[in-house]
């Protein structure tokens, strides 16, 4: 109960402080053009792009996975995108503070019309969460829907960082 009260207090403090102005997590707006910007940022390099939501139970479990992987493979870019809409900024920030995925890049849907944003990433993605894309150095992507298997992800990280 004490943890719940602390979480609620932190969320309330964020709301009262204006949300984004008090945002200790740098969250960028993700729109239909963001995917090409991320690809350009990591041109010639592998990276992971994972979509999650505050209402997704498996997404909570994956936050620990991302933190551990980022600590073990600090050179591998991990980009986390909240599929929650702009009105949920305070909830997204509170979620990230609570589940702490570590030093990864954070984005959040900038458009309430999520279908448009999802379509810009993957025309076949229907919105299931979590949704993860593993981009190799040539930016060929392997997509995965649902909770990730830690061993499979570890193997991908080893293969794409040259660290065995």
C-alpha atoms as a PDB file:
ATOM      1  CA  UNK A   1       0.000   0.000   0.000  1.00  0.00           C
ATOM      2  CA  UNK A   2       2.858   2.354   0.857  1.00  0.00           C
ATOM      3  CA  UNK A   3       4.374   1.835  -2.622  1.00  0.00           C
ATOM      4  CA  UNK A   4       1.030   2.590  -4.253  1.00  0.00           C
ATOM      5  CA  UNK A   5       0.734   5.815  -2.238  1.00  0.00           C
ATOM      6  CA  UNK A   6       4.257   6.874  -3.249  1.00  0.00           C
ATOM      7  CA  UNK A   7       3.477   6.138  -6.914  1.00  0.00           C
ATOM      8  CA  UNK A   8       0.222   8.091  -6.741  1.00  0.00           C
ATOM      9  CA  UNK A   9       2.019  10.966  -5.007  1.00  0.00           C
ATOM     10  CA  UNK A  10       4.708  11.073  -7.691  1.00  0.00           C
ATOM     11  CA  UNK A  11       2.094  11.039 -10.457  1.00  0.00           C
ATOM     12  CA  UNK A  12       0.127  13.820  -8.734  1.00  0.00           C
ATOM     13  CA  UNK A  13       3.289  15.893  -8.306  1.00  0.00           C
ATOM     14  CA  UNK A  14       4.005  15.542 -12.027  1.00  0.00           C
ATOM     15  CA  UNK A  15       0.491  16.651 -12.903  1.00  0.00           C
ATOM     16  CA  UNK A  16       0.602  19.643 -10.557  1.00  0.00           C
ATOM     17  CA  UNK A  17       4.018  20.673 -11.846  1.00  0.00           C
ATOM     18  CA  UNK A  18       2.754  20.724 -15.410  1.00  0.00           C
ATOM     19  CA  UNK A  19       3.785  17.256 -16.583  1.00  0.00           C
ATOM     20  CA  UNK A  20       6.294  17.891 -19.368  1.00  0.00           C
ATOM     21  CA  UNK A  21       8.025  20.787 -17.584  1.00  0.00           C
ATOM     22  CA  UNK A  22       8.745  18.550 -14.595  1.00  0.00           C
ATOM     23  CA  UNK A  23       9.467  15.549 -16.805  1.00  0.00           C
ATOM     24  CA  UNK A  24      12.706  13.942 -15.576  1.00  0.00           C
ATOM     25  CA  UNK A  25      12.567  11.610 -18.596  1.00  0.00           C
ATOM     26  CA  UNK A  26      13.286  13.064 -22.017  1.00  0.00           C
ATOM     27  CA  UNK A  27      10.364  11.829 -24.128  1.00  0.00           C
ATOM     28  CA  UNK A  28      10.315  12.797 -27.784  1.00  0.00           C
ATOM     29  CA  UNK A  29       7.119  12.991 -29.849  1.00  0.00           C
ATOM     30  CA  UNK A  30       6.793  10.021 -32.240  1.00  0.00           C
ATOM     31  CA  UNK A  31       4.791  10.753 -35.377  1.00  0.00           C
ATOM     32  CA  UNK A  32       4.535   9.386 -38.908  1.00  0.00           C
ATOM     33  CA  UNK A  33       7.962  10.835 -39.806  1.00  0.00           C
ATOM     34  CA  UNK A  34       9.854   9.626 -36.731  1.00  0.00           C
ATOM     35  CA  UNK A  35      10.692   6.176 -38.055  1.00  0.00           C
ATOM     36  CA  UNK A  36      12.788   7.593 -40.888  1.00  0.00           C
ATOM     37  CA  UNK A  37      14.563   9.930 -38.431  1.00  0.00           C
ATOM     38  CA  UNK A  38      15.444   6.992 -36.153  1.00  0.00           C
ATOM     39  CA  UNK A  39      16.697   4.932 -39.101  1.00  0.00           C
ATOM     40  CA  UNK A  40      18.862   7.861 -40.210  1.00  0.00           C
ATOM     41  CA  UNK A  41      20.220   8.336 -36.688  1.00  0.00           C
ATOM     42  CA  UNK A  42      21.389   4.714 -36.628  1.00  0.00           C
ATOM     43  CA  UNK A  43      22.410   4.378 -40.284  1.00  0.00           C
ATOM     44  CA  UNK A  44      24.692   1.364 -40.679  1.00  0.00           C
ATOM     45  CA  UNK A  45      24.171   0.311 -37.052  1.00  0.00           C
ATOM     46  CA  UNK A  46      21.880  -2.250 -35.462  1.00  0.00           C
ATOM     47  CA  UNK A  47      19.243  -1.068 -33.011  1.00  0.00           C
ATOM     48  CA  UNK A  48      16.132  -2.223 -31.177  1.00  0.00           C
ATOM     49  CA  UNK A  49      12.793  -0.434 -31.455  1.00  0.00           C
ATOM     50  CA  UNK A  50      10.170  -1.510 -28.905  1.00  0.00           C
ATOM     51  CA  UNK A  51       6.593  -0.273 -28.589  1.00  0.00           C
ATOM     52  CA  UNK A  52       4.798  -0.482 -25.259  1.00  0.00           C
ATOM     53  CA  UNK A  53       1.862   0.996 -23.370  1.00  0.00           C
ATOM     54  CA  UNK A  54       1.035   1.873 -19.776  1.00  0.00           C
ATOM     55  CA  UNK A  55      -1.940  -0.503 -19.961  1.00  0.00           C
ATOM     56  CA  UNK A  56       0.126  -3.480 -21.181  1.00  0.00           C
ATOM     57  CA  UNK A  57       1.024  -5.977 -18.439  1.00  0.00           C
ATOM     58  CA  UNK A  58       3.778  -7.779 -20.438  1.00  0.00           C
ATOM     59  CA  UNK A  59       5.295  -4.354 -21.189  1.00  0.00           C
ATOM     60  CA  UNK A  60       5.951  -3.858 -17.475  1.00  0.00           C
ATOM     61  CA  UNK A  61       7.933  -7.098 -17.377  1.00  0.00           C
ATOM     62  CA  UNK A  62      10.000  -6.093 -20.401  1.00  0.00           C
ATOM     63  CA  UNK A  63      11.221  -2.865 -18.778  1.00  0.00           C
ATOM     64  CA  UNK A  64      13.523  -4.896 -16.522  1.00  0.00           C
ATOM     65  CA  UNK A  65      14.806  -6.761 -19.578  1.00  0.00           C
ATOM     66  CA  UNK A  66      15.660  -3.497 -21.370  1.00  0.00           C
ATOM     67  CA  UNK A  67      17.481  -2.114 -18.336  1.00  0.00           C
ATOM     68  CA  UNK A  68      19.596  -5.269 -18.000  1.00  0.00           C
ATOM     69  CA  UNK A  69      20.413  -5.403 -21.701  1.00  0.00           C
ATOM     70  CA  UNK A  70      21.407  -1.737 -21.838  1.00  0.00           C
ATOM     71  CA  UNK A  71      23.764  -2.251 -18.899  1.00  0.00           C
ATOM     72  CA  UNK A  72      25.333  -5.354 -20.517  1.00  0.00           C
ATOM     73  CA  UNK A  73      25.441  -3.898 -24.054  1.00  0.00           C
ATOM     74  CA  UNK A  74      25.765  -0.115 -23.575  1.00  0.00           C
ATOM     75  CA  UNK A  75      26.727   0.445 -27.218  1.00  0.00           C
ATOM     76  CA  UNK A  76      23.468  -1.076 -28.539  1.00  0.00           C
ATOM     77  CA  UNK A  77      20.794   1.581 -29.122  1.00  0.00           C
ATOM     78  CA  UNK A  78      17.448   0.719 -27.551  1.00  0.00           C
ATOM     79  CA  UNK A  79      14.540   2.937 -28.546  1.00  0.00           C
ATOM     80  CA  UNK A  80      11.344   2.614 -26.511  1.00  0.00           C
ATOM     81  CA  UNK A  81       8.139   4.140 -27.856  1.00  0.00           C
ATOM     82  CA  UNK A  82       5.011   4.505 -25.767  1.00  0.00           C
ATOM     83  CA  UNK A  83       1.932   3.919 -27.895  1.00  0.00           C
ATOM     84  CA  UNK A  84      -0.099   5.997 -25.452  1.00  0.00           C
ATOM     85  CA  UNK A  85      -1.487   9.261 -26.793  1.00  0.00           C
ATOM     86  CA  UNK A  86      -0.318  12.793 -25.977  1.00  0.00           C
ATOM     87  CA  UNK A  87      -2.979  13.191 -23.281  1.00  0.00           C
ATOM     88  CA  UNK A  88      -1.242  10.409 -21.311  1.00  0.00           C
ATOM     89  CA  UNK A  89       2.120  12.203 -20.931  1.00  0.00           C
ATOM     90  CA  UNK A  90       2.009  12.238 -17.099  1.00  0.00           C
ATOM     91  CA  UNK A  91       1.048   8.558 -16.915  1.00  0.00           C
ATOM     92  CA  UNK A  92       3.854   7.605 -19.317  1.00  0.00           C
ATOM     93  CA  UNK A  93       6.405   9.577 -17.300  1.00  0.00           C
ATOM     94  CA  UNK A  94       5.201   8.025 -14.036  1.00  0.00           C
ATOM     95  CA  UNK A  95       5.348   4.543 -15.629  1.00  0.00           C
ATOM     96  CA  UNK A  96       8.937   5.089 -16.793  1.00  0.00           C
ATOM     97  CA  UNK A  97       9.971   6.387 -13.392  1.00  0.00           C
ATOM     98  CA  UNK A  98       8.415   3.374 -11.685  1.00  0.00           C
ATOM     99  CA  UNK A  99       9.592   0.616 -14.060  1.00  0.00           C
ATOM    100  CA  UNK A 100      12.916   2.306 -14.993  1.00  0.00           C
ATOM    101  CA  UNK A 101      14.071   0.729 -18.263  1.00  0.00           C
ATOM    102  CA  UNK A 102      17.490   2.351 -17.864  1.00  0.00           C
ATOM    103  CA  UNK A 103      19.440   4.697 -20.122  1.00  0.00           C
ATOM    104  CA  UNK A 104      17.486   4.148 -23.330  1.00  0.00           C
ATOM    105  CA  UNK A 105      15.892   6.547 -25.791  1.00  0.00           C
ATOM    106  CA  UNK A 106      12.231   7.413 -25.089  1.00  0.00           C
ATOM    107  CA  UNK A 107       9.514   8.411 -27.533  1.00  0.00           C
ATOM    108  CA  UNK A 108       5.744   8.651 -27.266  1.00  0.00           C
ATOM    109  CA  UNK A 109       2.982   8.723 -29.877  1.00  0.00           C
ATOM    110  CA  UNK A 110       2.342  12.358 -30.802  1.00  0.00           C
ATOM    111  CA  UNK A 111      -0.909  11.598 -32.610  1.00  0.00           C
ATOM    112  CA  UNK A 112      -4.149  10.357 -31.048  1.00  0.00           C
ATOM    113  CA  UNK A 113      -4.796   8.568 -34.348  1.00  0.00           C
ATOM    114  CA  UNK A 114      -2.478   5.663 -33.527  1.00  0.00           C
ATOM    115  CA  UNK A 115      -3.250   3.747 -36.722  1.00  0.00           C
ATOM    116  CA  UNK A 116      -1.494   6.424 -38.788  1.00  0.00           C
ATOM    117  CA  UNK A 117       1.609   6.194 -36.602  1.00  0.00           C
ATOM    118  CA  UNK A 118       1.655   2.381 -36.571  1.00  0.00           C
ATOM    119  CA  UNK A 119       1.249   2.275 -40.353  1.00  0.00           C
ATOM    120  CA  UNK A 120       4.346   4.477 -40.750  1.00  0.00           C
ATOM    121  CA  UNK A 121       6.363   1.846 -38.881  1.00  0.00           C
ATOM    122  CA  UNK A 122       4.894  -1.374 -40.238  1.00  0.00           C
ATOM    123  CA  UNK A 123       1.908  -1.688 -42.557  1.00  0.00           C
ATOM    124  CA  UNK A 124       1.086  -5.127 -41.107  1.00  0.00           C
ATOM    125  CA  UNK A 125       1.174  -4.101 -37.419  1.00  0.00           C
ATOM    126  CA  UNK A 126      -2.345  -4.173 -35.966  1.00  0.00           C
ATOM    127  CA  UNK A 127      -1.522  -2.640 -32.575  1.00  0.00           C
ATOM    128  CA  UNK A 128      -0.661  -5.674 -30.451  1.00  0.00           C
ATOM    129  CA  UNK A 129       1.628  -4.910 -27.494  1.00  0.00           C
ATOM    130  CA  UNK A 130       4.414  -5.200 -26.810  1.00  0.00           C
ATOM    131  CA  UNK A 131       5.775  -5.002 -30.353  1.00  0.00           C
ATOM    132  CA  UNK A 132       9.532  -5.146 -30.882  1.00  0.00           C
ATOM    133  CA  UNK A 133      11.657  -4.719 -33.984  1.00  0.00           C
ATOM    134  CA  UNK A 134      15.256  -5.905 -34.125  1.00  0.00           C
ATOM    135  CA  UNK A 135      17.124  -4.000 -36.842  1.00  0.00           C
ATOM    136  CA  UNK A 136      20.471  -5.360 -37.972  1.00  0.00           C
ATOM    137  CA  UNK A 137      23.201  -3.084 -39.383  1.00  0.00           C
ATOM    138  CA  UNK A 138      21.571  -3.213 -42.847  1.00  0.00           C
ATOM    139  CA  UNK A 139      18.262  -2.266 -41.155  1.00  0.00           C
ATOM    140  CA  UNK A 140      16.594  -5.514 -42.079  1.00  0.00           C
ATOM    141  CA  UNK A 141      14.059  -5.930 -39.298  1.00  0.00           C
ATOM    142  CA  UNK A 142      12.717  -8.916 -37.440  1.00  0.00           C
ATOM    143  CA  UNK A 143       9.404  -8.140 -35.722  1.00  0.00           C
ATOM    144  CA  UNK A 144       8.081  -9.800 -32.588  1.00  0.00           C
ATOM    145  CA  UNK A 145       4.684  -9.364 -30.935  1.00  0.00           C
ATOM    146  CA  UNK A 146       4.162 -10.289 -27.306  1.00  0.00           C
ATOM    147  CA  UNK A 147       6.482 -10.889 -24.389  1.00  0.00           C
ATOM    148  CA  UNK A 148      10.067 -11.484 -25.479  1.00  0.00           C
ATOM    149  CA  UNK A 149      12.088 -14.597 -24.712  1.00  0.00           C
ATOM    150  CA  UNK A 150      15.183 -13.424 -22.808  1.00  0.00           C
ATOM    151  CA  UNK A 151      17.465 -16.072 -24.377  1.00  0.00           C
ATOM    152  CA  UNK A 152      16.422 -15.173 -27.915  1.00  0.00           C
ATOM    153  CA  UNK A 153      16.989 -11.471 -27.250  1.00  0.00           C
ATOM    154  CA  UNK A 154      20.380 -12.108 -25.596  1.00  0.00           C
ATOM    155  CA  UNK A 155      21.435 -14.130 -28.658  1.00  0.00           C
ATOM    156  CA  UNK A 156      20.393 -11.306 -30.996  1.00  0.00           C
ATOM    157  CA  UNK A 157      22.352  -8.779 -28.916  1.00  0.00           C
ATOM    158  CA  UNK A 158      25.458 -11.004 -28.923  1.00  0.00           C
ATOM    159  CA  UNK A 159      25.197 -11.560 -32.689  1.00  0.00           C
ATOM    160  CA  UNK A 160      24.776  -7.851 -33.412  1.00  0.00           C
ATOM    161  CA  UNK A 161      27.402  -6.467 -31.063  1.00  0.00           C
ATOM    162  CA  UNK A 162      30.121  -8.999 -31.798  1.00  0.00           C
ATOM    163  CA  UNK A 163      30.180  -9.811 -28.088  1.00  0.00           C
ATOM    164  CA  UNK A 164      29.952 -13.563 -27.441  1.00  0.00           C
END
